[in-house]
Amino acid sequence: MTQPAAAEKEVGILCYATAGPRCAGRAKSSPEDFRVEEVIDMSEMTAEQADGRYPLYRVQKESVDTMHMAAELSTALKSRVSYAGMKDSRAVAVQYATPTSLRSERPALVSRNRFTATLVGFLARPLSRSSVLANRFEVVLRGCCPEVGSRMSEAFGLAAAGKVPNYFGLQRFGASGRGTHEVGKALVKGRFEQAVGLLLAGSPETREAATAGRYRELLDILPPGKDVERRVAKALVARPGEWVRAMRAIPVRLRRLYVQAYQSFIFNRTLSAALERGEDISKYAAGDNWGESGPGGLVVYGVRGVKEPPTRGAVPLVQLAGYAYRDYGSRFDACINETLASEEVEPRSFYVKEMQEVSSEGGFRRPHLAMKDGAFEVREDTALLRFTLARGQYATILLREVLKPDDPTASGLA
């Protein structure tokens, strides 16, 4: 049986749904080889501006991450902006954004080096995560093995049947798919000095300077682009040893992402445990939390209790660890408890007293990928894949079932 890559195991991804061996191939040979576009609910959008309505921008970006795009767009609109989700920096991506202030600037077009934002209408409230219905993907794989067609056929068939696990992909965990969940774990456990040490340990040189407390020197040796590390080091130059203050030098949205990455790691481990026990993740089983499937099966409405009788087509849901987690005795709760015990962390730990703004109550996530409109074609050693996934799901999780790479980074899956 093919084993997952070491980088995947580090973030709790321990299983495959497909049975085939590894297949050569690479995604993201260029940004144009990986295209993603948000599908959002525009039922309440109006074409005309009116009091109390927020401008909606369609943003097409390339080779820039969502947070940096949002920072530049915020400057142009003179307002913090709201967006529904993170999009890969090594991709051509279309996503939507709104300012959060009714006093924002409202230009018809904002054009920058790596993105263009076009005003398309007006909404009664700023964009939120729930505004996104799905994401459409178009992916090119190059240098593929001769069996890539059969590999894709198997992966698409299992995904359509709800059999592919809905792991959080490596992108959730930072550069090369590693690191951020460890910082999140340190925050959840109140180990703020450890969190700072993890952030500043990017290379042996920076690790040595940070360990010795030489923060001025650290500012000189940090390479370009290390904005977060530079913020932390500057805070420690001003006030050495104040670890909470140093962490608070990082924007709150990013600090929350660290904690969310740790929740994602626990979810991945939990889902792997369920699969290793032979659980069928595609269907509701007695005792599951569940939700109602919307039209097309990509959107799930509501969270129902484990004792509520399911409706036809009920979608099973798995809890995300957080301070609101409760053990209802379900098959998935048993796996979560096992994972939490191995991590020596309790649900209440996700309420971080010293840094309450990063606390997380948890939530729910379906255990399987929800895919629609899957299609592919193969020409010699190149494959083109088109498919639509539910919001919050990772195209690379479907692609890993095709390629099963030893090195996800080299294969473009991290």
Protein backbone atom coordinates (compact mmCIF):
# COMPACT_ATOMS: atom_id res chain seq x y z
CA MET A 1 0.00 0.00 0.00
CA THR A 2 1.33 3.44 -0.95
CA GLN A 3 2.31 5.53 2.06
CA PRO A 4 1.62 9.29 2.26
CA ALA A 5 4.55 11.67 2.01
CA ALA A 6 6.43 12.61 5.18
CA ALA A 7 5.19 16.21 4.89
CA GLU A 8 1.60 14.95 4.84
CA LYS A 9 2.10 12.74 7.86
CA GLU A 10 3.41 15.75 9.78
CA VAL A 11 0.01 17.45 9.39
CA GLY A 12 -2.10 14.39 10.11
CA ILE A 13 -2.82 13.20 6.54
CA LEU A 14 -2.33 9.46 6.85
CA CYS A 15 -4.66 7.80 4.31
CA TYR A 16 -5.58 7.57 0.63
CA ALA A 17 -8.96 6.64 -0.80
CA THR A 18 -7.51 5.41 -4.12
CA ALA A 19 -5.66 2.12 -4.46
CA GLY A 20 -3.20 2.83 -7.30
CA PRO A 21 0.56 3.40 -6.95
CA ARG A 22 2.36 6.71 -7.35
CA CYS A 23 2.04 8.52 -10.67
CA ALA A 24 4.48 11.11 -11.97
CA GLY A 25 3.10 14.57 -12.63
CA ARG A 26 3.37 18.17 -11.55
CA ALA A 27 0.80 20.87 -10.87
CA LYS A 28 1.51 24.62 -10.87
CA SER A 29 4.36 24.51 -13.35
CA SER A 30 3.17 28.07 -13.91
CA PRO A 31 0.40 30.10 -12.25
CA GLU A 32 -1.74 29.63 -15.40
CA ASP A 33 -1.71 25.86 -14.77
CA PHE A 34 -3.80 26.29 -11.62
CA ARG A 35 -6.96 28.39 -11.91
CA VAL A 36 -9.63 28.80 -9.27
CA GLU A 37 -12.74 30.99 -9.19
CA GLU A 38 -15.16 31.55 -6.35
CA VAL A 39 -18.83 30.93 -6.98
CA ILE A 40 -20.71 33.35 -4.71
CA ASP A 41 -24.35 34.02 -3.91
CA MET A 42 -25.27 37.12 -5.90
CA SER A 43 -29.03 36.89 -5.31
CA GLU A 44 -29.01 40.03 -3.15
CA MET A 45 -26.60 42.05 -5.29
CA THR A 46 -27.86 45.23 -6.94
CA ALA A 47 -26.33 47.04 -9.88
CA GLU A 48 -27.04 50.51 -8.51
CA GLN A 49 -25.40 52.20 -5.58
CA ALA A 50 -27.67 53.12 -2.65
CA ASP A 51 -27.34 54.23 0.96
CA GLY A 52 -26.22 51.46 3.27
CA ARG A 53 -24.82 49.23 0.54
CA TYR A 54 -21.23 48.01 0.15
CA PRO A 55 -19.38 47.83 -3.19
CA LEU A 56 -18.53 44.30 -4.31
CA TYR A 57 -15.25 43.81 -6.16
CA ARG A 58 -14.31 40.89 -8.39
CA VAL A 59 -10.58 40.43 -7.85
CA GLN A 60 -8.38 38.56 -10.31
CA LYS A 61 -4.94 37.95 -8.87
CA GLU A 62 -1.79 36.09 -9.87
CA SER A 63 1.31 35.17 -7.86
CA VAL A 64 0.19 36.99 -4.71
CA ASP A 65 -1.43 35.62 -1.58
CA THR A 66 -4.83 36.81 -0.45
CA MET A 67 -3.61 38.65 2.65
CA HIS A 68 -1.16 40.82 0.70
CA MET A 69 -3.79 41.48 -1.97
CA ALA A 70 -6.27 42.51 0.72
CA ALA A 71 -3.75 44.87 2.30
CA GLU A 72 -3.17 46.67 -1.01
CA LEU A 73 -6.88 46.79 -1.81
CA SER A 74 -7.59 48.17 1.68
CA THR A 75 -5.18 51.02 1.01
CA ALA A 76 -6.85 51.79 -2.32
CA LEU A 77 -10.36 51.75 -0.85
CA LYS A 78 -9.33 53.45 2.42
CA SER A 79 -11.11 50.72 4.36
CA ARG A 80 -10.34 47.30 5.72
CA VAL A 81 -11.71 44.74 3.28
CA SER A 82 -13.63 41.54 3.87
CA TYR A 83 -13.10 38.45 1.75
CA ALA A 84 -14.49 34.95 1.97
CA GLY A 85 -11.41 32.74 1.85
CA MET A 86 -7.71 32.36 1.16
CA LYS A 87 -6.56 31.58 -2.36
CA ASP A 88 -3.26 30.02 -3.43
CA SER A 89 -0.53 32.53 -4.28
CA ARG A 90 0.86 30.28 -7.04
CA ALA A 91 -2.29 30.43 -9.10
CA VAL A 92 -4.56 32.57 -11.22
CA ALA A 93 -7.44 33.15 -8.83
CA VAL A 94 -10.72 35.02 -8.96
CA GLN A 95 -12.25 35.95 -5.64
CA TYR A 96 -14.51 38.65 -4.26
CA ALA A 97 -14.06 41.37 -1.66
CA THR A 98 -15.97 44.26 -0.10
CA PRO A 99 -14.85 47.15 2.09
CA THR A 100 -16.17 46.98 5.65
CA SER A 101 -16.81 50.73 5.88
CA LEU A 102 -19.66 52.56 4.16
CA ARG A 103 -17.30 55.53 3.89
CA SER A 104 -14.83 53.69 1.68
CA GLU A 105 -13.64 54.87 -1.69
CA ARG A 106 -15.56 53.22 -4.57
CA PRO A 107 -13.49 53.33 -7.75
CA ALA A 108 -14.75 51.33 -10.72
CA LEU A 109 -11.32 49.68 -11.07
CA VAL A 110 -8.29 49.12 -8.86
CA SER A 111 -5.30 47.91 -10.85
CA ARG A 112 -2.07 46.86 -9.19
CA ASN A 113 0.97 44.88 -10.30
CA ARG A 114 -0.39 41.46 -9.29
CA PHE A 115 -4.16 41.94 -9.17
CA THR A 116 -7.09 43.81 -10.68
CA ALA A 117 -10.27 44.55 -8.72
CA THR A 118 -13.40 45.44 -10.71
CA LEU A 119 -16.57 46.87 -9.16
CA VAL A 120 -19.44 44.54 -10.10
CA GLY A 121 -22.32 45.58 -7.83
CA PHE A 122 -23.46 46.38 -4.31
CA LEU A 123 -24.42 44.28 -1.28
CA ALA A 124 -26.44 45.04 1.84
CA ARG A 125 -23.63 43.72 4.05
CA PRO A 126 -19.91 43.00 3.72
CA LEU A 127 -18.88 39.72 2.14
CA SER A 128 -18.57 36.75 4.52
CA ARG A 129 -17.44 33.16 4.26
CA SER A 130 -21.03 32.03 3.92
CA SER A 131 -21.36 34.07 0.72
CA VAL A 132 -19.26 31.51 -1.15
CA LEU A 133 -21.15 28.54 -2.52
CA ALA A 134 -18.25 26.68 -4.15
CA ASN A 135 -14.95 27.02 -6.00
CA ARG A 136 -14.38 26.07 -9.65
CA PHE A 137 -10.98 24.70 -10.59
CA GLU A 138 -9.11 24.17 -13.83
CA VAL A 139 -5.79 22.40 -13.32
CA VAL A 140 -3.07 21.29 -15.72
CA LEU A 141 -0.76 18.43 -14.74
CA ARG A 142 2.46 18.09 -16.73
CA GLY A 143 5.00 15.28 -17.07
CA CYS A 144 2.37 12.70 -16.15
CA CYS A 145 2.82 8.95 -16.01
CA PRO A 146 1.14 6.88 -18.78
CA GLU A 147 -1.52 5.66 -16.31
CA VAL A 148 -2.69 9.15 -15.33
CA GLY A 149 -6.03 8.69 -17.12
CA SER A 150 -6.96 5.63 -15.06
CA ARG A 151 -5.71 7.33 -11.88
CA MET A 152 -7.95 10.34 -12.52
CA SER A 153 -10.91 8.14 -13.38
CA GLU A 154 -10.58 6.34 -10.05
CA ALA A 155 -10.12 9.55 -8.04
CA PHE A 156 -13.04 11.33 -9.72
CA GLY A 157 -15.28 8.31 -9.25
CA LEU A 158 -14.51 8.05 -5.55
CA ALA A 159 -14.91 11.80 -5.06
CA ALA A 160 -18.32 11.75 -6.76
CA ALA A 161 -19.33 8.97 -4.35
CA GLY A 162 -18.17 10.92 -1.28
CA LYS A 163 -15.29 8.54 -0.56
CA VAL A 164 -12.32 10.97 -0.75
CA PRO A 165 -11.39 12.37 2.69
CA ASN A 166 -11.87 16.09 3.12
CA TYR A 167 -8.44 16.78 4.62
CA PHE A 168 -7.10 20.27 5.13
CA GLY A 169 -4.37 20.57 2.49
CA LEU A 170 -0.73 21.40 3.06
CA GLN A 171 -1.34 25.04 2.13
CA ARG A 172 -3.28 25.40 5.37
CA PHE A 173 -0.06 24.86 7.30
CA GLY A 174 2.21 27.50 5.80
CA ALA A 175 5.30 27.36 3.62
CA SER A 176 5.81 23.83 2.29
CA GLY A 177 2.82 22.77 4.35
CA ARG A 178 4.60 22.86 7.69
CA GLY A 179 5.04 24.94 10.82
CA THR A 180 2.00 27.07 11.54
CA HIS A 181 0.07 24.38 13.43
CA GLU A 182 3.01 24.02 15.82
CA VAL A 183 2.84 27.75 16.54
CA GLY A 184 -0.91 27.38 17.05
CA LYS A 185 -0.37 24.48 19.44
CA ALA A 186 2.03 26.60 21.49
CA LEU A 187 -0.55 29.43 21.65
CA VAL A 188 -3.32 27.06 22.72
CA LYS A 189 -1.10 25.68 25.48
CA GLY A 190 -0.10 29.20 26.61
CA ARG A 191 3.54 28.66 25.69
CA PHE A 192 4.18 32.06 24.16
CA GLU A 193 7.98 31.95 24.39
CA GLN A 194 7.89 28.67 22.49
CA ALA A 195 5.58 30.22 19.86
CA VAL A 196 8.07 33.06 19.36
CA GLY A 197 10.95 30.58 19.11
CA LEU A 198 9.13 28.56 16.45
CA LEU A 199 8.44 31.68 14.39
CA LEU A 200 12.05 32.83 14.52
CA ALA A 201 13.63 29.43 13.82
CA GLY A 202 13.44 29.67 10.04
CA SER A 203 17.14 28.92 9.53
CA PRO A 204 20.04 27.80 11.76
CA GLU A 205 21.38 31.37 11.69
CA THR A 206 18.14 33.04 12.77
CA ARG A 207 17.48 30.27 15.32
CA GLU A 208 20.87 30.83 16.93
CA ALA A 209 20.40 34.61 17.13
CA ALA A 210 16.88 34.27 18.54
CA THR A 211 17.91 31.66 21.13
CA ALA A 212 20.72 33.95 22.31
CA GLY A 213 18.37 36.94 22.50
CA ARG A 214 20.30 38.90 19.84
CA TYR A 215 17.21 40.48 18.31
CA ARG A 216 18.93 43.52 16.76
CA GLU A 217 21.27 41.15 14.95
CA LEU A 218 18.25 39.10 13.94
CA LEU A 219 16.77 42.14 12.18
CA ASP A 220 19.91 42.37 10.06
CA ILE A 221 19.99 38.72 9.01
CA LEU A 222 16.32 38.08 8.34
CA PRO A 223 15.90 37.70 4.56
CA PRO A 224 13.50 39.90 2.55
CA GLY A 225 9.85 38.97 2.81
CA LYS A 226 10.00 37.87 6.44
CA ASP A 227 7.59 40.60 7.57
CA VAL A 228 6.09 38.62 10.45
CA GLU A 229 9.45 37.62 11.90
CA ARG A 230 10.65 41.21 11.60
CA ARG A 231 7.62 42.50 13.55
CA VAL A 232 8.28 40.00 16.35
CA ALA A 233 12.00 40.79 16.49
CA LYS A 234 11.34 44.55 16.65
CA ALA A 235 8.93 44.03 19.53
CA LEU A 236 11.57 42.04 21.41
CA VAL A 237 14.24 44.68 20.76
CA ALA A 238 11.94 47.19 22.46
CA ARG A 239 10.89 44.88 25.31
CA PRO A 240 12.90 41.67 25.66
CA GLY A 241 11.11 38.78 27.28
CA GLU A 242 7.59 40.10 26.75
CA TRP A 243 6.45 37.14 24.68
CA VAL A 244 2.73 37.90 24.57
CA ARG A 245 3.44 41.46 23.43
CA ALA A 246 5.83 40.13 20.78
CA MET A 247 3.16 37.77 19.43
CA ARG A 248 0.64 40.61 19.40
CA ALA A 249 2.92 42.46 16.98
CA ILE A 250 1.56 39.98 14.40
CA PRO A 251 -1.79 40.94 12.81
CA VAL A 252 -4.64 39.26 14.66
CA ARG A 253 -6.00 37.57 11.54
CA LEU A 254 -2.68 35.77 11.08
CA ARG A 255 -2.48 34.78 14.75
CA ARG A 256 -5.94 33.27 14.44
CA LEU A 257 -4.73 31.33 11.41
CA TYR A 258 -2.06 29.70 13.59
CA VAL A 259 -4.71 28.42 15.99
CA GLN A 260 -6.94 27.38 13.08
CA ALA A 261 -4.00 25.47 11.58
CA TYR A 262 -3.71 23.50 14.82
CA GLN A 263 -7.45 22.77 14.70
CA SER A 264 -6.94 21.60 11.11
CA PHE A 265 -4.13 19.27 12.21
CA ILE A 266 -6.40 17.75 14.86
CA PHE A 267 -9.17 17.35 12.28
CA ASN A 268 -6.79 15.61 9.84
CA ARG A 269 -5.61 13.23 12.57
CA THR A 270 -9.23 12.59 13.60
CA LEU A 271 -10.32 11.85 10.03
CA SER A 272 -7.32 9.56 9.51
CA ALA A 273 -8.23 7.66 12.67
CA ALA A 274 -11.81 7.21 11.43
CA LEU A 275 -10.60 5.92 8.06
CA GLU A 276 -8.14 3.54 9.69
CA ARG A 277 -11.08 2.13 11.67
CA GLY A 278 -12.93 1.49 8.43
CA GLU A 279 -15.63 4.14 8.89
CA ASP A 280 -17.71 5.01 5.81
CA ILE A 281 -17.31 8.79 5.62
CA SER A 282 -19.69 9.19 2.68
CA LYS A 283 -22.91 8.54 4.59
CA TYR A 284 -24.66 9.49 7.79
CA ALA A 285 -24.49 6.86 10.53
CA ALA A 286 -26.57 6.74 13.67
CA GLY A 287 -25.15 9.10 16.30
CA ASP A 288 -23.51 11.54 13.87
CA ASN A 289 -23.97 15.26 13.90
CA TRP A 290 -25.41 16.09 10.49
CA GLY A 291 -26.56 18.83 8.16
CA GLU A 292 -29.05 19.17 5.34
CA SER A 293 -27.66 19.04 1.82
CA GLY A 294 -28.56 21.99 -0.40
CA PRO A 295 -29.23 21.88 -4.15
CA GLY A 296 -26.33 20.21 -5.94
CA GLY A 297 -24.92 18.82 -2.70
CA LEU A 298 -22.14 21.41 -2.36
CA VAL A 299 -23.70 23.49 0.42
CA VAL A 300 -24.72 22.07 3.81
CA TYR A 301 -27.30 23.94 5.85
CA GLY A 302 -27.40 23.90 9.63
CA VAL A 303 -25.92 21.54 12.20
CA ARG A 304 -28.26 19.01 13.75
CA GLY A 305 -27.76 17.13 16.96
CA VAL A 306 -26.77 13.50 17.21
CA LYS A 307 -30.20 12.57 18.63
CA GLU A 308 -32.22 14.29 15.90
CA PRO A 309 -33.65 11.93 13.28
CA PRO A 310 -31.94 12.59 9.94
CA THR A 311 -33.71 13.80 6.83
CA ARG A 312 -33.22 12.12 3.48
CA GLY A 313 -29.68 12.76 2.23
CA ALA A 314 -28.32 13.92 5.61
CA VAL A 315 -24.62 14.83 5.42
CA PRO A 316 -22.40 13.59 8.28
CA LEU A 317 -20.39 16.27 10.09
CA VAL A 318 -17.26 16.07 12.22
CA GLN A 319 -16.54 18.51 15.03
CA LEU A 320 -13.55 20.82 14.88
CA ALA A 321 -11.73 21.00 18.20
CA GLY A 322 -12.43 24.17 20.17
CA TYR A 323 -13.60 25.36 23.57
CA ALA A 324 -17.24 24.60 22.63
CA TYR A 325 -16.48 20.96 21.75
CA ARG A 326 -18.74 18.40 23.40
CA ASP A 327 -18.44 14.64 23.36
CA TYR A 328 -21.80 13.40 22.11
CA GLY A 329 -20.61 9.82 21.86
CA SER A 330 -20.48 9.67 18.06
CA ARG A 331 -18.03 7.58 16.04
CA PHE A 332 -16.13 10.73 15.12
CA ASP A 333 -16.13 12.10 18.69
CA ALA A 334 -14.33 8.94 19.78
CA CYS A 335 -11.60 9.69 17.24
CA ILE A 336 -11.37 13.35 18.32
CA ASN A 337 -10.99 12.31 21.96
CA GLU A 338 -8.20 9.94 21.00
CA THR A 339 -6.41 12.71 19.08
CA LEU A 340 -6.82 15.30 21.85
CA ALA A 341 -5.46 12.83 24.40
CA SER A 342 -2.40 12.10 22.26
CA GLU A 343 -1.81 15.86 21.95
CA GLU A 344 -2.29 16.37 25.70
CA VAL A 345 -4.71 19.21 25.06
CA GLU A 346 -8.26 19.79 26.30
CA PRO A 347 -11.09 21.57 24.48
CA ARG A 348 -11.08 24.39 27.05
CA SER A 349 -7.46 25.12 26.11
CA PHE A 350 -8.74 26.74 22.90
CA TYR A 351 -9.94 29.62 25.07
CA VAL A 352 -6.60 31.42 25.41
CA LYS A 353 -6.91 33.62 28.49
CA GLU A 354 -3.75 35.64 27.87
CA MET A 355 -4.69 36.29 24.23
CA GLN A 356 -8.45 35.96 24.04
CA GLU A 357 -8.66 37.34 20.51
CA VAL A 358 -7.20 34.09 19.08
CA SER A 359 -9.56 31.81 21.00
CA SER A 360 -11.70 29.48 18.93
CA GLU A 361 -14.93 27.72 19.83
CA GLY A 362 -14.59 25.14 17.06
CA GLY A 363 -17.20 24.17 14.50
CA PHE A 364 -18.13 21.40 12.08
CA ARG A 365 -16.79 20.09 8.77
CA ARG A 366 -17.95 17.31 6.49
CA PRO A 367 -15.60 14.32 6.37
CA HIS A 368 -15.62 13.86 2.58
CA LEU A 369 -14.91 16.02 -0.45
CA ALA A 370 -18.05 17.30 -2.19
CA MET A 371 -17.24 17.42 -5.92
CA LYS A 372 -19.39 18.27 -8.92
CA ASP A 373 -18.85 18.69 -12.67
CA GLY A 374 -15.69 16.59 -12.75
CA ALA A 375 -14.12 16.14 -16.18
CA PHE A 376 -10.64 15.48 -17.52
CA GLU A 377 -8.72 14.90 -20.72
CA VAL A 378 -5.24 13.54 -21.38
CA ARG A 379 -2.89 14.46 -24.22
CA GLU A 380 0.38 12.55 -24.17
CA ASP A 381 1.96 13.41 -20.80
CA THR A 382 -0.32 16.37 -20.02
CA ALA A 383 -3.68 16.20 -18.25
CA LEU A 384 -6.37 18.87 -17.88
CA LEU A 385 -8.80 18.56 -14.98
CA ARG A 386 -11.96 20.57 -14.35
CA PHE A 387 -14.08 20.23 -11.23
CA THR A 388 -16.04 22.16 -8.62
CA LEU A 389 -15.59 21.71 -4.86
CA ALA A 390 -17.57 22.93 -1.87
CA ARG A 391 -16.17 25.99 -0.13
CA GLY A 392 -13.27 25.38 2.22
CA GLN A 393 -12.14 22.27 0.36
CA TYR A 394 -8.74 21.81 -1.26
CA ALA A 395 -8.14 20.89 -4.89
CA THR A 396 -4.74 19.52 -3.90
CA ILE A 397 -6.47 16.88 -1.76
CA LEU A 398 -8.11 15.51 -4.90
CA LEU A 399 -4.85 15.82 -6.87
CA ARG A 400 -2.87 13.89 -4.24
CA GLU A 401 -5.17 10.93 -4.85
CA VAL A 402 -4.02 10.98 -8.49
CA LEU A 403 -0.29 11.58 -8.04
CA LYS A 404 0.55 10.31 -4.53
CA PRO A 405 3.87 12.20 -4.61
CA ASP A 406 6.84 11.49 -2.35
CA ASP A 407 7.56 15.23 -2.38
CA PRO A 408 4.33 17.29 -2.50
CA THR A 409 6.28 20.54 -2.83
CA ALA A 410 8.18 19.35 -5.93
CA SER A 411 4.87 18.12 -7.40
CA GLY A 412 3.17 21.48 -6.85
CA LEU A 413 0.76 20.25 -4.18
CA ALA A 414 2.11 22.33 -1.29
